[in-house]
N, C-alpha and C. Protein backbone atom coordinates (compact mmCIF):
# COMPACT_ATOMS: atom_id res chain seq x y z
N UNK A 1 -7.97 -7.97 12.49
CA UNK A 1 -6.99 -7.23 11.70
C UNK A 1 -6.68 -8.03 10.43
N UNK A 2 -6.64 -7.36 9.31
CA UNK A 2 -6.37 -8.00 8.03
C UNK A 2 -4.92 -8.47 7.95
N UNK A 3 -4.73 -9.61 7.34
CA UNK A 3 -3.37 -10.11 7.17
C UNK A 3 -2.69 -9.34 6.04
N UNK A 4 -1.37 -9.42 6.02
CA UNK A 4 -0.60 -8.75 4.99
C UNK A 4 -1.04 -9.21 3.59
N UNK A 5 -1.21 -10.51 3.42
CA UNK A 5 -1.58 -11.06 2.12
C UNK A 5 -2.96 -10.57 1.68
N UNK A 6 -3.88 -10.49 2.64
CA UNK A 6 -5.23 -10.01 2.31
C UNK A 6 -5.20 -8.55 1.90
N UNK A 7 -4.43 -7.73 2.62
CA UNK A 7 -4.30 -6.31 2.27
C UNK A 7 -3.66 -6.15 0.90
N UNK A 8 -2.59 -6.91 0.64
CA UNK A 8 -1.92 -6.82 -0.67
C UNK A 8 -2.86 -7.19 -1.81
N UNK A 9 -3.72 -8.17 -1.58
CA UNK A 9 -4.66 -8.61 -2.62
C UNK A 9 -5.65 -7.51 -2.99
N UNK A 10 -5.87 -6.55 -2.09
CA UNK A 10 -6.80 -5.45 -2.36
C UNK A 10 -6.17 -4.36 -3.23
N UNK A 11 -4.87 -4.42 -3.40
CA UNK A 11 -4.14 -3.42 -4.18
C UNK A 11 -3.63 -4.11 -5.44
N UNK A 12 -4.29 -3.82 -6.57
CA UNK A 12 -4.05 -4.58 -7.79
C UNK A 12 -3.19 -3.89 -8.83
N UNK A 13 -2.55 -2.77 -8.50
CA UNK A 13 -1.70 -2.10 -9.46
C UNK A 13 -0.46 -2.92 -9.76
N UNK A 14 -0.09 -2.97 -11.02
CA UNK A 14 1.11 -3.71 -11.42
C UNK A 14 2.12 -2.74 -12.00
N UNK A 15 3.39 -2.97 -11.69
CA UNK A 15 4.43 -2.07 -12.18
C UNK A 15 4.25 -0.69 -11.55
N UNK A 16 4.71 0.32 -12.24
CA UNK A 16 4.57 1.69 -11.76
C UNK A 16 3.37 2.34 -12.45
N UNK A 17 2.57 3.13 -11.71
CA UNK A 17 1.45 3.81 -12.35
C UNK A 17 1.94 4.94 -13.25
N UNK A 18 1.10 5.42 -14.18
CA UNK A 18 1.48 6.59 -14.98
C UNK A 18 1.83 7.75 -14.04
N UNK A 19 2.80 8.59 -14.42
CA UNK A 19 3.35 9.63 -13.53
C UNK A 19 2.36 10.57 -12.84
N UNK A 20 1.35 11.05 -13.50
CA UNK A 20 0.48 12.02 -12.86
C UNK A 20 -0.89 11.45 -12.50
N UNK A 21 -0.97 10.12 -12.40
CA UNK A 21 -2.21 9.47 -12.02
C UNK A 21 -2.26 9.33 -10.50
N UNK A 22 -3.24 9.96 -9.83
CA UNK A 22 -3.34 9.79 -8.38
C UNK A 22 -3.81 8.38 -8.05
N UNK A 23 -3.12 7.74 -7.13
CA UNK A 23 -3.45 6.37 -6.72
C UNK A 23 -3.44 6.27 -5.20
N UNK A 24 -4.07 5.22 -4.69
CA UNK A 24 -4.00 4.90 -3.27
C UNK A 24 -2.81 3.97 -3.09
N UNK A 25 -2.09 4.12 -1.98
CA UNK A 25 -0.93 3.26 -1.74
C UNK A 25 -1.05 2.52 -0.42
N UNK A 26 -0.45 1.34 -0.41
CA UNK A 26 -0.33 0.53 0.79
C UNK A 26 1.12 0.57 1.20
N UNK A 27 1.37 0.93 2.44
CA UNK A 27 2.73 1.05 2.95
C UNK A 27 2.96 -0.01 4.02
N UNK A 28 4.24 -0.19 4.36
CA UNK A 28 4.58 -1.18 5.36
C UNK A 28 5.72 -0.68 6.22
N UNK A 29 5.62 -0.97 7.52
CA UNK A 29 6.71 -0.69 8.44
C UNK A 29 6.82 -1.86 9.41
N UNK A 30 7.58 -1.70 10.46
CA UNK A 30 7.81 -2.78 11.41
C UNK A 30 6.54 -3.22 12.13
N UNK A 31 5.50 -2.39 12.13
CA UNK A 31 4.24 -2.72 12.80
C UNK A 31 3.25 -3.42 11.87
N UNK A 32 3.46 -3.34 10.57
CA UNK A 32 2.54 -3.96 9.63
C UNK A 32 2.24 -3.07 8.44
N UNK A 33 1.12 -3.35 7.77
CA UNK A 33 0.73 -2.58 6.59
C UNK A 33 -0.31 -1.55 6.96
N UNK A 34 -0.34 -0.47 6.19
CA UNK A 34 -1.32 0.60 6.40
C UNK A 34 -1.52 1.36 5.10
N UNK A 35 -2.73 1.88 4.92
CA UNK A 35 -3.06 2.66 3.74
C UNK A 35 -2.95 4.14 4.08
N UNK A 36 -2.30 4.91 3.23
CA UNK A 36 -2.21 6.35 3.48
C UNK A 36 -3.57 6.98 3.21
N UNK A 37 -3.96 8.00 4.00
CA UNK A 37 -5.29 8.60 3.86
C UNK A 37 -5.38 9.65 2.76
N UNK A 38 -4.38 9.71 1.89
CA UNK A 38 -4.39 10.68 0.80
C UNK A 38 -3.84 10.01 -0.46
N UNK A 39 -4.21 10.57 -1.61
CA UNK A 39 -3.74 10.03 -2.89
C UNK A 39 -2.25 10.37 -3.09
N UNK A 40 -1.59 9.50 -3.81
CA UNK A 40 -0.17 9.69 -4.11
C UNK A 40 0.07 9.53 -5.60
N UNK A 41 1.23 9.94 -6.05
CA UNK A 41 1.62 9.72 -7.45
C UNK A 41 3.09 9.34 -7.49
N UNK A 42 3.45 8.61 -8.54
CA UNK A 42 4.81 8.10 -8.70
C UNK A 42 5.48 8.88 -9.83
N UNK A 43 6.50 9.68 -9.49
CA UNK A 43 7.17 10.54 -10.47
C UNK A 43 8.68 10.37 -10.36
N UNK A 44 9.31 10.11 -11.47
CA UNK A 44 10.78 9.98 -11.52
C UNK A 44 11.32 9.01 -10.47
N UNK A 45 10.63 7.88 -10.31
CA UNK A 45 11.09 6.85 -9.40
C UNK A 45 10.82 7.10 -7.93
N UNK A 46 10.02 8.13 -7.62
CA UNK A 46 9.72 8.44 -6.22
C UNK A 46 8.22 8.65 -6.02
N UNK A 47 7.73 8.27 -4.85
CA UNK A 47 6.33 8.50 -4.49
C UNK A 47 6.17 9.87 -3.86
N UNK A 48 5.07 10.55 -4.23
CA UNK A 48 4.78 11.90 -3.72
C UNK A 48 3.32 12.00 -3.29
N UNK A 49 3.06 12.85 -2.31
CA UNK A 49 1.70 13.20 -1.93
C UNK A 49 1.10 13.94 -3.13
N UNK A 50 -0.04 13.50 -3.62
CA UNK A 50 -0.64 14.09 -4.82
C UNK A 50 -1.01 15.56 -4.60
N UNK A 51 -1.49 15.91 -3.42
CA UNK A 51 -1.93 17.29 -3.16
C UNK A 51 -0.76 18.23 -2.88
N UNK A 52 0.11 17.85 -1.97
CA UNK A 52 1.19 18.76 -1.56
C UNK A 52 2.43 18.66 -2.44
N UNK A 53 2.60 17.52 -3.12
CA UNK A 53 3.79 17.31 -3.92
C UNK A 53 4.99 16.83 -3.12
N UNK A 54 4.84 16.76 -1.80
CA UNK A 54 5.95 16.32 -0.95
C UNK A 54 6.29 14.86 -1.15
N UNK A 55 7.58 14.54 -1.05
CA UNK A 55 8.04 13.16 -1.20
C UNK A 55 7.62 12.33 0.01
N UNK A 56 7.22 11.09 -0.23
CA UNK A 56 6.85 10.19 0.86
C UNK A 56 8.10 9.62 1.50
N UNK A 57 8.04 9.44 2.80
CA UNK A 57 9.12 8.79 3.53
C UNK A 57 8.69 7.39 3.96
N UNK A 58 7.62 6.90 3.39
CA UNK A 58 7.07 5.58 3.72
C UNK A 58 7.54 4.54 2.72
N UNK A 59 7.50 3.29 3.12
CA UNK A 59 7.86 2.17 2.25
C UNK A 59 6.59 1.68 1.55
N UNK A 60 6.37 2.11 0.31
CA UNK A 60 5.19 1.72 -0.46
C UNK A 60 5.39 0.31 -1.00
N UNK A 61 4.41 -0.58 -0.72
CA UNK A 61 4.51 -1.97 -1.17
C UNK A 61 3.49 -2.32 -2.24
N UNK A 62 2.45 -1.47 -2.43
CA UNK A 62 1.44 -1.74 -3.45
C UNK A 62 0.63 -0.48 -3.72
N UNK A 63 -0.06 -0.48 -4.87
CA UNK A 63 -0.91 0.65 -5.22
C UNK A 63 -2.14 0.16 -5.96
N UNK A 64 -3.16 1.03 -6.02
CA UNK A 64 -4.38 0.77 -6.79
C UNK A 64 -4.96 2.11 -7.21
N UNK A 65 -5.85 2.08 -8.20
CA UNK A 65 -6.54 3.29 -8.62
C UNK A 65 -7.35 3.83 -7.46
N UNK A 66 -7.50 5.14 -7.39
CA UNK A 66 -8.28 5.78 -6.33
C UNK A 66 -9.72 5.32 -6.46
N UNK A 67 -10.27 4.88 -5.37
CA UNK A 67 -11.67 4.44 -5.34
C UNK A 67 -12.57 5.64 -5.11
N UNK A 68 -13.59 5.76 -5.91
CA UNK A 68 -14.55 6.87 -5.78
C UNK A 68 -15.58 6.51 -4.71
N UNK A 69 -15.98 7.50 -3.93
CA UNK A 69 -16.99 7.26 -2.88
C UNK A 69 -18.38 7.27 -3.46
């Protein structure tokens, strides 16, 4: 299992991303860190699911540009 520091190092976004830019996010809870399986965007100080527009209820700790397959 990857350590928290190793996972954070994989997410290189600094500050807040541009509002309508879809990004991958790393979240954290009492069990550890996890990556959401869908793109998100940061709008008006809140994280949202890029596809549905719904607000996230997760604690986002880092972000990076969406990686293309």
